């Protein structure tokens, strides 16, 4: 019988795990499940679904977006569904995100978290 893999956690590297965990906790309304000096695990209330871990790395370099030859490339980005795009952007910015200058779609907003990771807010239609 083959194992049944289940994606449990997405890990984002950053300079300060606790500061970035605070940002995503505020953005998503999630709770801390576990914490160490350079690592924080957060999850949705009730513990259901994929968790997010923030891992502090010495020498962390944020990615560039849009991508540019020879620059630090992003390895992934998070797509976060909201029920009101404008309100979602205001909420994220109030927590420390910043909007990207380049916005490729009208129904999606690209922002950067405080560590420089791009993420997208979108509304399901």
PDB file of N, CA and C in Angstrom:
ATOM      1  N   UNK A   1       0.846  -1.186   0.000  1.00  0.00           N
ATOM      2  CA  UNK A   1       0.000   0.000   0.000  1.00  0.00           C
ATOM      3  C   UNK A   1       0.886   1.242   0.000  1.00  0.00           C
ATOM      4  N   UNK A   2       0.558   2.221  -0.826  1.00  0.00           N
ATOM      5  CA  UNK A   2       1.321   3.461  -0.916  1.00  0.00           C
ATOM      6  C   UNK A   2       0.954   4.391   0.224  1.00  0.00           C
ATOM      7  N   UNK A   3       1.921   5.203   0.670  1.00  0.00           N
ATOM      8  CA  UNK A   3       1.592   6.193   1.692  1.00  0.00           C
ATOM      9  C   UNK A   3       0.649   7.238   1.105  1.00  0.00           C
ATOM     10  N   UNK A   4      -0.106   7.894   1.962  1.00  0.00           N
ATOM     11  CA  UNK A   4      -1.030   8.943   1.535  1.00  0.00           C
ATOM     12  C   UNK A   4      -0.516  10.284   2.035  1.00  0.00           C
ATOM     13  N   UNK A   5       0.372  10.925   1.261  1.00  0.00           N
ATOM     14  CA  UNK A   5       0.921  12.205   1.701  1.00  0.00           C
ATOM     15  C   UNK A   5      -0.160  13.273   1.806  1.00  0.00           C
ATOM     16  N   UNK A   6      -0.007  14.124   2.805  1.00  0.00           N
ATOM     17  CA  UNK A   6      -0.914  15.245   3.023  1.00  0.00           C
ATOM     18  C   UNK A   6      -0.064  16.481   3.269  1.00  0.00           C
ATOM     19  N   UNK A   7      -0.270  17.516   2.484  1.00  0.00           N
ATOM     20  CA  UNK A   7       0.446  18.767   2.707  1.00  0.00           C
ATOM     21  C   UNK A   7      -0.013  19.347   4.029  1.00  0.00           C
ATOM     22  N   UNK A   8       0.907  19.492   4.973  1.00  0.00           N
ATOM     23  CA  UNK A   8       0.550  19.938   6.317  1.00  0.00           C
ATOM     24  C   UNK A   8       0.946  21.381   6.579  1.00  0.00           C
ATOM     25  N   UNK A   9       2.105  21.811   6.049  1.00  0.00           N
ATOM     26  CA  UNK A   9       2.641  23.119   6.409  1.00  0.00           C
ATOM     27  C   UNK A   9       3.391  23.733   5.235  1.00  0.00           C
ATOM     28  N   UNK A  10       3.206  25.025   5.032  1.00  0.00           N
ATOM     29  CA  UNK A  10       4.014  25.812   4.116  1.00  0.00           C
ATOM     30  C   UNK A  10       4.950  26.636   4.991  1.00  0.00           C
ATOM     31  N   UNK A  11       6.242  26.631   4.676  1.00  0.00           N
ATOM     32  CA  UNK A  11       7.238  27.342   5.474  1.00  0.00           C
ATOM     33  C   UNK A  11       7.788  28.513   4.662  1.00  0.00           C
ATOM     34  N   UNK A  12       7.762  29.699   5.250  1.00  0.00           N
ATOM     35  CA  UNK A  12       8.344  30.883   4.628  1.00  0.00           C
ATOM     36  C   UNK A  12       9.598  31.283   5.396  1.00  0.00           C
ATOM     37  N   UNK A  13      10.713  31.401   4.683  1.00  0.00           N
ATOM     38  CA  UNK A  13      11.934  31.917   5.293  1.00  0.00           C
ATOM     39  C   UNK A  13      11.826  33.435   5.392  1.00  0.00           C
ATOM     40  N   UNK A  14      12.507  33.994   6.384  1.00  0.00           N
ATOM     41  CA  UNK A  14      12.453  35.433   6.611  1.00  0.00           C
ATOM     42  C   UNK A  14      13.585  35.809   7.561  1.00  0.00           C
ATOM     43  N   UNK A  15      13.741  37.088   7.810  1.00  0.00           N
ATOM     44  CA  UNK A  15      14.763  37.541   8.754  1.00  0.00           C
ATOM     45  C   UNK A  15      14.285  37.408  10.196  1.00  0.00           C
ATOM     46  N   UNK A  16      13.007  37.653  10.451  1.00  0.00           N
ATOM     47  CA  UNK A  16      12.459  37.646  11.816  1.00  0.00           C
ATOM     48  C   UNK A  16      11.166  36.839  11.839  1.00  0.00           C
ATOM     49  N   UNK A  17      11.243  35.599  12.295  1.00  0.00           N
ATOM     50  CA  UNK A  17      10.093  34.693  12.285  1.00  0.00           C
ATOM     51  C   UNK A  17       8.934  35.233  13.121  1.00  0.00           C
ATOM     52  N   UNK A  18       9.215  35.814  14.263  1.00  0.00           N
ATOM     53  CA  UNK A  18       8.149  36.280  15.144  1.00  0.00           C
ATOM     54  C   UNK A  18       7.428  37.497  14.573  1.00  0.00           C
ATOM     55  N   UNK A  19       8.168  38.407  13.958  1.00  0.00           N
ATOM     56  CA  UNK A  19       7.533  39.582  13.352  1.00  0.00           C
ATOM     57  C   UNK A  19       6.650  39.157  12.178  1.00  0.00           C
ATOM     58  N   UNK A  20       7.134  38.238  11.351  1.00  0.00           N
ATOM     59  CA  UNK A  20       6.334  37.806  10.219  1.00  0.00           C
ATOM     60  C   UNK A  20       5.139  36.972  10.679  1.00  0.00           C
ATOM     61  N   UNK A  21       5.310  36.179  11.725  1.00  0.00           N
ATOM     62  CA  UNK A  21       4.176  35.425  12.286  1.00  0.00           C
ATOM     63  C   UNK A  21       3.104  36.385  12.791  1.00  0.00           C
ATOM     64  N   UNK A  22       3.502  37.467  13.434  1.00  0.00           N
ATOM     65  CA  UNK A  22       2.525  38.458  13.906  1.00  0.00           C
ATOM     66  C   UNK A  22       1.729  39.040  12.739  1.00  0.00           C
ATOM     67  N   UNK A  23       2.420  39.316  11.624  1.00  0.00           N
ATOM     68  CA  UNK A  23       1.737  39.837  10.439  1.00  0.00           C
ATOM     69  C   UNK A  23       0.689  38.842   9.942  1.00  0.00           C
ATOM     70  N   UNK A  24       1.089  37.595   9.707  1.00  0.00           N
ATOM     71  CA  UNK A  24       0.147  36.608   9.169  1.00  0.00           C
ATOM     72  C   UNK A  24      -0.944  36.231  10.174  1.00  0.00           C
ATOM     73  N   UNK A  25      -0.636  36.251  11.458  1.00  0.00           N
ATOM     74  CA  UNK A  25      -1.683  36.020  12.473  1.00  0.00           C
ATOM     75  C   UNK A  25      -2.750  37.103  12.359  1.00  0.00           C
ATOM     76  N   UNK A  26      -2.315  38.349  12.225  1.00  0.00           N
ATOM     77  CA  UNK A  26      -3.263  39.443  12.087  1.00  0.00           C
ATOM     78  C   UNK A  26      -4.034  39.389  10.783  1.00  0.00           C
ATOM     79  N   UNK A  27      -3.354  39.042   9.703  1.00  0.00           N
ATOM     80  CA  UNK A  27      -3.997  38.987   8.398  1.00  0.00           C
ATOM     81  C   UNK A  27      -5.028  37.871   8.331  1.00  0.00           C
ATOM     82  N   UNK A  28      -4.671  36.693   8.824  1.00  0.00           N
ATOM     83  CA  UNK A  28      -5.512  35.513   8.678  1.00  0.00           C
ATOM     84  C   UNK A  28      -6.400  35.223   9.893  1.00  0.00           C
ATOM     85  N   UNK A  29      -6.096  35.849  11.031  1.00  0.00           N
ATOM     86  CA  UNK A  29      -6.848  35.552  12.245  1.00  0.00           C
ATOM     87  C   UNK A  29      -6.487  34.191  12.821  1.00  0.00           C
ATOM     88  N   UNK A  30      -5.265  33.747  12.595  1.00  0.00           N
ATOM     89  CA  UNK A  30      -4.807  32.428  13.042  1.00  0.00           C
ATOM     90  C   UNK A  30      -4.141  32.520  14.402  1.00  0.00           C
ATOM     91  N   UNK A  31      -3.872  31.348  14.984  1.00  0.00           N
ATOM     92  CA  UNK A  31      -3.270  31.236  16.307  1.00  0.00           C
ATOM     93  C   UNK A  31      -1.876  30.608  16.218  1.00  0.00           C
ATOM     94  N   UNK A  32      -1.041  30.916  17.198  1.00  0.00           N
ATOM     95  CA  UNK A  32       0.271  30.264  17.295  1.00  0.00           C
ATOM     96  C   UNK A  32       0.068  28.863  17.856  1.00  0.00           C
ATOM     97  N   UNK A  33       0.603  27.886  17.164  1.00  0.00           N
ATOM     98  CA  UNK A  33       0.552  26.507  17.662  1.00  0.00           C
ATOM     99  C   UNK A  33       1.842  26.145  18.373  1.00  0.00           C
ATOM    100  N   UNK A  34       2.974  26.650  17.865  1.00  0.00           N
ATOM    101  CA  UNK A  34       4.274  26.339  18.449  1.00  0.00           C
ATOM    102  C   UNK A  34       5.223  27.480  18.132  1.00  0.00           C
ATOM    103  N   UNK A  35       6.198  27.682  19.006  1.00  0.00           N
ATOM    104  CA  UNK A  35       7.119  28.791  18.830  1.00  0.00           C
ATOM    105  C   UNK A  35       8.490  28.441  19.393  1.00  0.00           C
ATOM    106  N   UNK A  36       9.513  28.795  18.648  1.00  0.00           N
ATOM    107  CA  UNK A  36      10.911  28.671  19.065  1.00  0.00           C
ATOM    108  C   UNK A  36      11.583  29.998  18.744  1.00  0.00           C
ATOM    109  N   UNK A  37      12.845  30.189  19.134  1.00  0.00           N
ATOM    110  CA  UNK A  37      13.482  31.486  18.870  1.00  0.00           C
ATOM    111  C   UNK A  37      13.475  31.924  17.399  1.00  0.00           C
ATOM    112  N   UNK A  38      13.678  31.004  16.456  1.00  0.00           N
ATOM    113  CA  UNK A  38      13.732  31.370  15.040  1.00  0.00           C
ATOM    114  C   UNK A  38      12.671  30.663  14.204  1.00  0.00           C
ATOM    115  N   UNK A  39      11.574  30.254  14.844  1.00  0.00           N
ATOM    116  CA  UNK A  39      10.561  29.493  14.115  1.00  0.00           C
ATOM    117  C   UNK A  39       9.226  29.624  14.828  1.00  0.00           C
ATOM    118  N   UNK A  40       8.164  29.883  14.048  1.00  0.00           N
ATOM    119  CA  UNK A  40       6.815  29.980  14.610  1.00  0.00           C
ATOM    120  C   UNK A  40       5.868  29.235  13.675  1.00  0.00           C
ATOM    121  N   UNK A  41       4.990  28.436  14.257  1.00  0.00           N
ATOM    122  CA  UNK A  41       3.974  27.711  13.511  1.00  0.00           C
ATOM    123  C   UNK A  41       2.616  28.296  13.854  1.00  0.00           C
ATOM    124  N   UNK A  42       1.868  28.724  12.818  1.00  0.00           N
ATOM    125  CA  UNK A  42       0.531  29.249  13.049  1.00  0.00           C
ATOM    126  C   UNK A  42      -0.480  28.387  12.287  1.00  0.00           C
ATOM    127  N   UNK A  43      -1.720  28.401  12.800  1.00  0.00           N
ATOM    128  CA  UNK A  43      -2.759  27.608  12.158  1.00  0.00           C
ATOM    129  C   UNK A  43      -4.117  28.267  12.372  1.00  0.00           C
ATOM    130  N   UNK A  44      -5.069  27.853  11.553  1.00  0.00           N
ATOM    131  CA  UNK A  44      -6.434  28.355  11.673  1.00  0.00           C
ATOM    132  C   UNK A  44      -7.012  27.916  13.013  1.00  0.00           C
ATOM    133  N   UNK A  45      -7.904  28.703  13.596  1.00  0.00           N
ATOM    134  CA  UNK A  45      -8.566  28.273  14.828  1.00  0.00           C
ATOM    135  C   UNK A  45      -9.185  26.888  14.610  1.00  0.00           C
ATOM    136  N   UNK A  46      -8.982  25.999  15.547  1.00  0.00           N
ATOM    137  CA  UNK A  46      -9.458  24.627  15.409  1.00  0.00           C
ATOM    138  C   UNK A  46      -8.446  23.701  14.771  1.00  0.00           C
ATOM    139  N   UNK A  47      -7.381  24.260  14.211  1.00  0.00           N
ATOM    140  CA  UNK A  47      -6.295  23.448  13.678  1.00  0.00           C
ATOM    141  C   UNK A  47      -6.563  22.764  12.354  1.00  0.00           C
ATOM    142  N   UNK A  48      -7.616  23.137  11.657  1.00  0.00           N
ATOM    143  CA  UNK A  48      -7.940  22.495  10.384  1.00  0.00           C
ATOM    144  C   UNK A  48      -7.156  23.122   9.237  1.00  0.00           C
ATOM    145  N   UNK A  49      -6.823  22.321   8.245  1.00  0.00           N
ATOM    146  CA  UNK A  49      -6.198  22.818   7.021  1.00  0.00           C
ATOM    147  C   UNK A  49      -4.689  22.919   7.121  1.00  0.00           C
ATOM    148  N   UNK A  50      -4.110  23.497   6.090  1.00  0.00           N
ATOM    149  CA  UNK A  50      -2.663  23.667   5.997  1.00  0.00           C
ATOM    150  C   UNK A  50      -2.225  24.742   6.977  1.00  0.00           C
ATOM    151  N   UNK A  51      -1.101  24.508   7.633  1.00  0.00           N
ATOM    152  CA  UNK A  51      -0.539  25.473   8.574  1.00  0.00           C
ATOM    153  C   UNK A  51       0.544  26.301   7.871  1.00  0.00           C
ATOM    154  N   UNK A  52       0.959  27.368   8.517  1.00  0.00           N
ATOM    155  CA  UNK A  52       2.011  28.233   7.992  1.00  0.00           C
ATOM    156  C   UNK A  52       3.096  28.358   9.048  1.00  0.00           C
ATOM    157  N   UNK A  53       4.329  28.087   8.646  1.00  0.00           N
ATOM    158  CA  UNK A  53       5.462  28.241   9.555  1.00  0.00           C
ATOM    159  C   UNK A  53       6.355  29.359   9.020  1.00  0.00           C
ATOM    160  N   UNK A  54       6.897  30.137   9.922  1.00  0.00           N
ATOM    161  CA  UNK A  54       7.803  31.217   9.591  1.00  0.00           C
ATOM    162  C   UNK A  54       9.143  30.865  10.211  1.00  0.00           C
ATOM    163  N   UNK A  55      10.182  30.845   9.374  1.00  0.00           N
ATOM    164  CA  UNK A  55      11.496  30.395   9.826  1.00  0.00           C
ATOM    165  C   UNK A  55      12.521  31.489   9.609  1.00  0.00           C
ATOM    166  N   UNK A  56      13.133  31.953  10.691  1.00  0.00           N
ATOM    167  CA  UNK A  56      14.163  32.976  10.606  1.00  0.00           C
ATOM    168  C   UNK A  56      15.444  32.403  10.038  1.00  0.00           C
ATOM    169  N   UNK A  57      16.009  33.096   9.077  1.00  0.00           N
ATOM    170  CA  UNK A  57      17.254  32.678   8.430  1.00  0.00           C
ATOM    171  C   UNK A  57      18.230  33.848   8.412  1.00  0.00           C
ATOM    172  N   UNK A  58      19.421  33.607   8.931  1.00  0.00           N
ATOM    173  CA  UNK A  58      20.458  34.631   8.858  1.00  0.00           C
ATOM    174  C   UNK A  58      20.816  34.848   7.393  1.00  0.00           C
ATOM    175  N   UNK A  59      20.940  36.090   6.986  1.00  0.00           N
ATOM    176  CA  UNK A  59      21.286  36.404   5.602  1.00  0.00           C
ATOM    177  C   UNK A  59      20.112  36.321   4.641  1.00  0.00           C
ATOM    178  N   UNK A  60      18.885  36.292   5.151  1.00  0.00           N
ATOM    179  CA  UNK A  60      17.704  36.230   4.290  1.00  0.00           C
ATOM    180  C   UNK A  60      17.689  37.403   3.308  1.00  0.00           C
ATOM    181  N   UNK A  61      17.391  37.101   2.049  1.00  0.00           N
ATOM    182  CA  UNK A  61      17.269  38.111   1.008  1.00  0.00           C
ATOM    183  C   UNK A  61      15.861  38.006   0.426  1.00  0.00           C
ATOM    184  N   UNK A  62      15.059  39.067   0.493  1.00  0.00           N
ATOM    185  CA  UNK A  62      13.691  38.980  -0.035  1.00  0.00           C
ATOM    186  C   UNK A  62      13.688  38.826  -1.553  1.00  0.00           C
ATOM    187  N   UNK A  63      12.655  38.182  -2.090  1.00  0.00           N
ATOM    188  CA  UNK A  63      12.562  38.020  -3.536  1.00  0.00           C
ATOM    189  C   UNK A  63      12.175  39.318  -4.227  1.00  0.00           C
ATOM    190  N   UNK A  64      12.423  39.356  -5.520  1.00  0.00           N
ATOM    191  CA  UNK A  64      12.056  40.492  -6.365  1.00  0.00           C
ATOM    192  C   UNK A  64      10.808  40.105  -7.148  1.00  0.00           C
ATOM    193  N   UNK A  65       9.851  41.011  -7.227  1.00  0.00           N
ATOM    194  CA  UNK A  65       8.666  40.778  -8.043  1.00  0.00           C
ATOM    195  C   UNK A  65       8.246  42.069  -8.692  1.00  0.00           C
ATOM    196  N   UNK A  66       7.940  42.077  -9.985  1.00  0.00           N
ATOM    197  CA  UNK A  66       8.032  40.928 -10.867  1.00  0.00           C
ATOM    198  C   UNK A  66       9.473  40.448 -10.996  1.00  0.00           C
ATOM    199  N   UNK A  67       9.611  39.200 -11.403  1.00  0.00           N
ATOM    200  CA  UNK A  67      10.932  38.599 -11.508  1.00  0.00           C
ATOM    201  C   UNK A  67      11.830  39.398 -12.438  1.00  0.00           C
ATOM    202  N   UNK A  68      13.122  39.397 -12.121  1.00  0.00           N
ATOM    203  CA  UNK A  68      14.116  40.084 -12.943  1.00  0.00           C
ATOM    204  C   UNK A  68      15.334  39.181 -13.057  1.00  0.00           C
ATOM    205  N   UNK A  69      15.904  39.069 -14.258  1.00  0.00           N
ATOM    206  CA  UNK A  69      17.085  38.215 -14.431  1.00  0.00           C
ATOM    207  C   UNK A  69      18.202  38.618 -13.460  1.00  0.00           C
ATOM    208  N   UNK A  70      18.810  37.632 -12.830  1.00  0.00           N
ATOM    209  CA  UNK A  70      19.927  37.867 -11.930  1.00  0.00           C
ATOM    210  C   UNK A  70      19.534  38.291 -10.526  1.00  0.00           C
ATOM    211  N   UNK A  71      18.239  38.494 -10.257  1.00  0.00           N
ATOM    212  CA  UNK A  71      17.775  38.910  -8.926  1.00  0.00           C
ATOM    213  C   UNK A  71      17.235  37.700  -8.174  1.00  0.00           C
ATOM    214  N   UNK A  72      17.111  37.841  -6.864  1.00  0.00           N
ATOM    215  CA  UNK A  72      16.545  36.769  -6.047  1.00  0.00           C
ATOM    216  C   UNK A  72      15.132  36.454  -6.528  1.00  0.00           C
ATOM    217  N   UNK A  73      14.888  35.237  -6.934  1.00  0.00           N
ATOM    218  CA  UNK A  73      13.583  34.836  -7.448  1.00  0.00           C
ATOM    219  C   UNK A  73      12.688  34.339  -6.325  1.00  0.00           C
ATOM    220  N   UNK A  74      11.388  34.556  -6.477  1.00  0.00           N
ATOM    221  CA  UNK A  74      10.453  33.982  -5.520  1.00  0.00           C
ATOM    222  C   UNK A  74      10.328  32.496  -5.830  1.00  0.00           C
ATOM    223  N   UNK A  75      10.106  31.712  -4.795  1.00  0.00           N
ATOM    224  CA  UNK A  75       9.946  30.275  -4.974  1.00  0.00           C
ATOM    225  C   UNK A  75       8.467  29.900  -4.962  1.00  0.00           C
ATOM    226  N   UNK A  76       7.658  30.703  -4.318  1.00  0.00           N
ATOM    227  CA  UNK A  76       6.218  30.476  -4.252  1.00  0.00           C
ATOM    228  C   UNK A  76       5.582  31.759  -3.772  1.00  0.00           C
ATOM    229  N   UNK A  77       4.262  31.809  -3.864  1.00  0.00           N
ATOM    230  CA  UNK A  77       3.533  32.911  -3.246  1.00  0.00           C
ATOM    231  C   UNK A  77       2.207  32.367  -2.740  1.00  0.00           C
ATOM    232  N   UNK A  78       1.622  33.052  -1.805  1.00  0.00           N
ATOM    233  CA  UNK A  78       0.353  32.642  -1.224  1.00  0.00           C
ATOM    234  C   UNK A  78      -0.790  33.380  -1.910  1.00  0.00           C
ATOM    235  N   UNK A  79      -1.847  32.659  -2.247  1.00  0.00           N
ATOM    236  CA  UNK A  79      -3.087  33.254  -2.729  1.00  0.00           C
ATOM    237  C   UNK A  79      -4.088  33.207  -1.585  1.00  0.00           C
ATOM    238  N   UNK A  80      -4.567  34.357  -1.190  1.00  0.00           N
ATOM    239  CA  UNK A  80      -5.453  34.461  -0.032  1.00  0.00           C
ATOM    240  C   UNK A  80      -6.799  35.019  -0.487  1.00  0.00           C
ATOM    241  N   UNK A  81      -7.842  34.233  -0.295  1.00  0.00           N
ATOM    242  CA  UNK A  81      -9.196  34.641  -0.690  1.00  0.00           C
ATOM    243  C   UNK A  81      -9.773  35.584   0.366  1.00  0.00           C
ATOM    244  N   UNK A  82     -10.381  36.664  -0.104  1.00  0.00           N
ATOM    245  CA  UNK A  82     -11.072  37.608   0.769  1.00  0.00           C
ATOM    246  C   UNK A  82     -12.478  37.825   0.211  1.00  0.00           C
ATOM    247  N   UNK A  83     -13.391  38.326   1.025  1.00  0.00           N
ATOM    248  CA  UNK A  83     -14.732  38.571   0.506  1.00  0.00           C
ATOM    249  C   UNK A  83     -14.918  39.999   0.009  1.00  0.00           C
ATOM    250  N   UNK A  84     -13.955  40.875   0.284  1.00  0.00           N
ATOM    251  CA  UNK A  84     -13.986  42.258  -0.197  1.00  0.00           C
ATOM    252  C   UNK A  84     -12.543  42.650  -0.483  1.00  0.00           C
ATOM    253  N   UNK A  85     -12.219  42.825  -1.758  1.00  0.00           N
ATOM    254  CA  UNK A  85     -10.828  43.061  -2.151  1.00  0.00           C
ATOM    255  C   UNK A  85     -10.273  44.359  -1.574  1.00  0.00           C
ATOM    256  N   UNK A  86     -10.998  45.446  -1.699  1.00  0.00           N
ATOM    257  CA  UNK A  86     -10.511  46.733  -1.182  1.00  0.00           C
ATOM    258  C   UNK A  86     -10.316  46.676   0.327  1.00  0.00           C
ATOM    259  N   UNK A  87     -11.271  46.092   1.043  1.00  0.00           N
ATOM    260  CA  UNK A  87     -11.140  45.973   2.497  1.00  0.00           C
ATOM    261  C   UNK A  87      -9.985  45.051   2.863  1.00  0.00           C
ATOM    262  N   UNK A  88      -9.783  43.985   2.102  1.00  0.00           N
ATOM    263  CA  UNK A  88      -8.673  43.077   2.348  1.00  0.00           C
ATOM    264  C   UNK A  88      -7.333  43.768   2.180  1.00  0.00           C
ATOM    265  N   UNK A  89      -7.214  44.591   1.141  1.00  0.00           N
ATOM    266  CA  UNK A  89      -5.970  45.341   0.915  1.00  0.00           C
ATOM    267  C   UNK A  89      -5.746  46.316   2.060  1.00  0.00           C
ATOM    268  N   UNK A  90      -6.777  47.051   2.459  1.00  0.00           N
ATOM    269  CA  UNK A  90      -6.624  48.006   3.574  1.00  0.00           C
ATOM    270  C   UNK A  90      -6.178  47.292   4.849  1.00  0.00           C
ATOM    271  N   UNK A  91      -6.775  46.137   5.125  1.00  0.00           N
ATOM    272  CA  UNK A  91      -6.425  45.354   6.315  1.00  0.00           C
ATOM    273  C   UNK A  91      -4.961  44.920   6.264  1.00  0.00           C
ATOM    274  N   UNK A  92      -4.532  44.378   5.129  1.00  0.00           N
ATOM    275  CA  UNK A  92      -3.153  43.913   4.987  1.00  0.00           C
ATOM    276  C   UNK A  92      -2.162  45.070   5.124  1.00  0.00           C
ATOM    277  N   UNK A  93      -2.464  46.195   4.506  1.00  0.00           N
ATOM    278  CA  UNK A  93      -1.575  47.362   4.577  1.00  0.00           C
ATOM    279  C   UNK A  93      -1.502  47.890   6.010  1.00  0.00           C
ATOM    280  N   UNK A  94      -2.619  47.898   6.709  1.00  0.00           N
ATOM    281  CA  UNK A  94      -2.619  48.354   8.103  1.00  0.00           C
ATOM    282  C   UNK A  94      -1.741  47.466   8.984  1.00  0.00           C
ATOM    283  N   UNK A  95      -1.587  46.203   8.594  1.00  0.00           N
ATOM    284  CA  UNK A  95      -0.747  45.263   9.352  1.00  0.00           C
ATOM    285  C   UNK A  95       0.721  45.328   8.956  1.00  0.00           C
ATOM    286  N   UNK A  96       1.042  46.061   7.884  1.00  0.00           N
ATOM    287  CA  UNK A  96       2.439  46.196   7.481  1.00  0.00           C
ATOM    288  C   UNK A  96       2.762  45.736   6.072  1.00  0.00           C
ATOM    289  N   UNK A  97       1.762  45.273   5.323  1.00  0.00           N
ATOM    290  CA  UNK A  97       1.998  44.898   3.926  1.00  0.00           C
ATOM    291  C   UNK A  97       2.121  46.158   3.084  1.00  0.00           C
ATOM    292  N   UNK A  98       2.653  45.990   1.886  1.00  0.00           N
ATOM    293  CA  UNK A  98       2.667  47.108   0.938  1.00  0.00           C
ATOM    294  C   UNK A  98       2.240  46.580  -0.421  1.00  0.00           C
ATOM    295  N   UNK A  99       1.513  47.427  -1.150  1.00  0.00           N
ATOM    296  CA  UNK A  99       1.046  47.031  -2.471  1.00  0.00           C
ATOM    297  C   UNK A  99       2.188  47.074  -3.472  1.00  0.00           C
ATOM    298  N   UNK A 100       2.196  46.103  -4.383  1.00  0.00           N
ATOM    299  CA  UNK A 100       3.172  46.086  -5.464  1.00  0.00           C
ATOM    300  C   UNK A 100       2.808  47.159  -6.479  1.00  0.00           C
ATOM    301  N   UNK A 101       3.811  47.762  -7.087  1.00  0.00           N
ATOM    302  CA  UNK A 101       3.555  48.759  -8.123  1.00  0.00           C
ATOM    303  C   UNK A 101       2.931  48.104  -9.345  1.00  0.00           C
ATOM    304  N   UNK A 102       3.377  46.904  -9.674  1.00  0.00           N
ATOM    305  CA  UNK A 102       2.867  46.172 -10.839  1.00  0.00           C
ATOM    306  C   UNK A 102       1.682  45.306 -10.420  1.00  0.00           C
ATOM    307  N   UNK A 103       0.527  45.580 -10.990  1.00  0.00           N
ATOM    308  CA  UNK A 103      -0.691  44.814 -10.714  1.00  0.00           C
ATOM    309  C   UNK A 103      -1.175  44.224 -12.039  1.00  0.00           C
ATOM    310  N   UNK A 104      -0.938  42.923 -12.265  1.00  0.00           N
ATOM    311  CA  UNK A 104      -1.236  42.339 -13.572  1.00  0.00           C
ATOM    312  C   UNK A 104      -2.706  42.068 -13.847  1.00  0.00           C
ATOM    313  N   UNK A 105      -3.564  42.064 -12.828  1.00  0.00           N
ATOM    314  CA  UNK A 105      -4.974  41.755 -13.021  1.00  0.00           C
ATOM    315  C   UNK A 105      -5.828  42.711 -12.203  1.00  0.00           C
ATOM    316  N   UNK A 106      -7.016  43.046 -12.716  1.00  0.00           N
ATOM    317  CA  UNK A 106      -7.899  43.953 -12.008  1.00  0.00           C
ATOM    318  C   UNK A 106      -8.612  43.327 -10.828  1.00  0.00           C
ATOM    319  N   UNK A 107      -8.783  42.000 -10.842  1.00  0.00           N
ATOM    320  CA  UNK A 107      -9.536  41.343  -9.781  1.00  0.00           C
ATOM    321  C   UNK A 107      -8.651  40.655  -8.746  1.00  0.00           C
ATOM    322  N   UNK A 108      -7.347  40.930  -8.809  1.00  0.00           N
ATOM    323  CA  UNK A 108      -6.360  40.380  -7.873  1.00  0.00           C
ATOM    324  C   UNK A 108      -5.454  41.526  -7.456  1.00  0.00           C
ATOM    325  N   UNK A 109      -5.045  41.545  -6.196  1.00  0.00           N
ATOM    326  CA  UNK A 109      -4.085  42.552  -5.742  1.00  0.00           C
ATOM    327  C   UNK A 109      -2.846  41.833  -5.234  1.00  0.00           C
ATOM    328  N   UNK A 110      -1.692  42.234  -5.773  1.00  0.00           N
ATOM    329  CA  UNK A 110      -0.406  41.701  -5.325  1.00  0.00           C
ATOM    330  C   UNK A 110       0.130  42.639  -4.263  1.00  0.00           C
ATOM    331  N   UNK A 111       0.518  42.065  -3.128  1.00  0.00           N
ATOM    332  CA  UNK A 111       1.115  42.823  -2.028  1.00  0.00           C
ATOM    333  C   UNK A 111       2.381  42.121  -1.599  1.00  0.00           C
ATOM    334  N   UNK A 112       3.167  42.784  -0.776  1.00  0.00           N
ATOM    335  CA  UNK A 112       4.361  42.202  -0.173  1.00  0.00           C
ATOM    336  C   UNK A 112       4.168  42.171   1.331  1.00  0.00           C
ATOM    337  N   UNK A 113       4.485  41.032   1.957  1.00  0.00           N
ATOM    338  CA  UNK A 113       4.450  40.975   3.410  1.00  0.00           C
ATOM    339  C   UNK A 113       5.655  41.740   3.955  1.00  0.00           C
ATOM    340  N   UNK A 114       5.765  41.943   5.260  1.00  0.00           N
ATOM    341  CA  UNK A 114       6.882  42.727   5.801  1.00  0.00           C
ATOM    342  C   UNK A 114       8.269  42.160   5.504  1.00  0.00           C
ATOM    343  N   UNK A 115       8.365  40.867   5.169  1.00  0.00           N
ATOM    344  CA  UNK A 115       9.656  40.274   4.812  1.00  0.00           C
ATOM    345  C   UNK A 115       9.915  40.332   3.311  1.00  0.00           C
ATOM    346  N   UNK A 116       8.966  40.870   2.540  1.00  0.00           N
ATOM    347  CA  UNK A 116       9.153  41.025   1.105  1.00  0.00           C
ATOM    348  C   UNK A 116       8.582  39.913   0.243  1.00  0.00           C
ATOM    349  N   UNK A 117       7.916  38.923   0.834  1.00  0.00           N
ATOM    350  CA  UNK A 117       7.293  37.861   0.035  1.00  0.00           C
ATOM    351  C   UNK A 117       6.055  38.414  -0.665  1.00  0.00           C
ATOM    352  N   UNK A 118       5.926  38.204  -1.971  1.00  0.00           N
ATOM    353  CA  UNK A 118       4.689  38.602  -2.613  1.00  0.00           C
ATOM    354  C   UNK A 118       3.564  37.647  -2.233  1.00  0.00           C
ATOM    355  N   UNK A 119       2.362  38.185  -2.092  1.00  0.00           N
ATOM    356  CA  UNK A 119       1.177  37.363  -1.911  1.00  0.00           C
ATOM    357  C   UNK A 119       0.027  38.053  -2.628  1.00  0.00           C
ATOM    358  N   UNK A 120      -0.985  37.281  -2.973  1.00  0.00           N
ATOM    359  CA  UNK A 120      -2.122  37.822  -3.722  1.00  0.00           C
ATOM    360  C   UNK A 120      -3.389  37.738  -2.894  1.00  0.00           C
ATOM    361  N   UNK A 121      -4.175  38.786  -2.953  1.00  0.00           N
ATOM    362  CA  UNK A 121      -5.524  38.773  -2.414  1.00  0.00           C
ATOM    363  C   UNK A 121      -6.472  38.702  -3.603  1.00  0.00           C
ATOM    364  N   UNK A 122      -7.506  37.874  -3.484  1.00  0.00           N
ATOM    365  CA  UNK A 122      -8.471  37.745  -4.565  1.00  0.00           C
ATOM    366  C   UNK A 122      -9.854  37.467  -3.982  1.00  0.00           C
ATOM    367  N   UNK A 123     -10.871  37.744  -4.795  1.00  0.00           N
ATOM    368  CA  UNK A 123     -12.253  37.454  -4.435  1.00  0.00           C
ATOM    369  C   UNK A 123     -12.732  36.350  -5.368  1.00  0.00           C
ATOM    370  N   UNK A 124     -13.313  35.304  -4.783  1.00  0.00           N
ATOM    371  CA  UNK A 124     -13.915  34.241  -5.596  1.00  0.00           C
ATOM    372  C   UNK A 124     -15.132  34.798  -6.296  1.00  0.00           C
ATOM    373  N   UNK A 125     -15.255  34.533  -7.568  1.00  0.00           N
ATOM    374  CA  UNK A 125     -16.439  34.997  -8.310  1.00  0.00           C
ATOM    375  C   UNK A 125     -17.277  33.830  -8.771  1.00  0.00           C
TER     376      UNK A 125
END
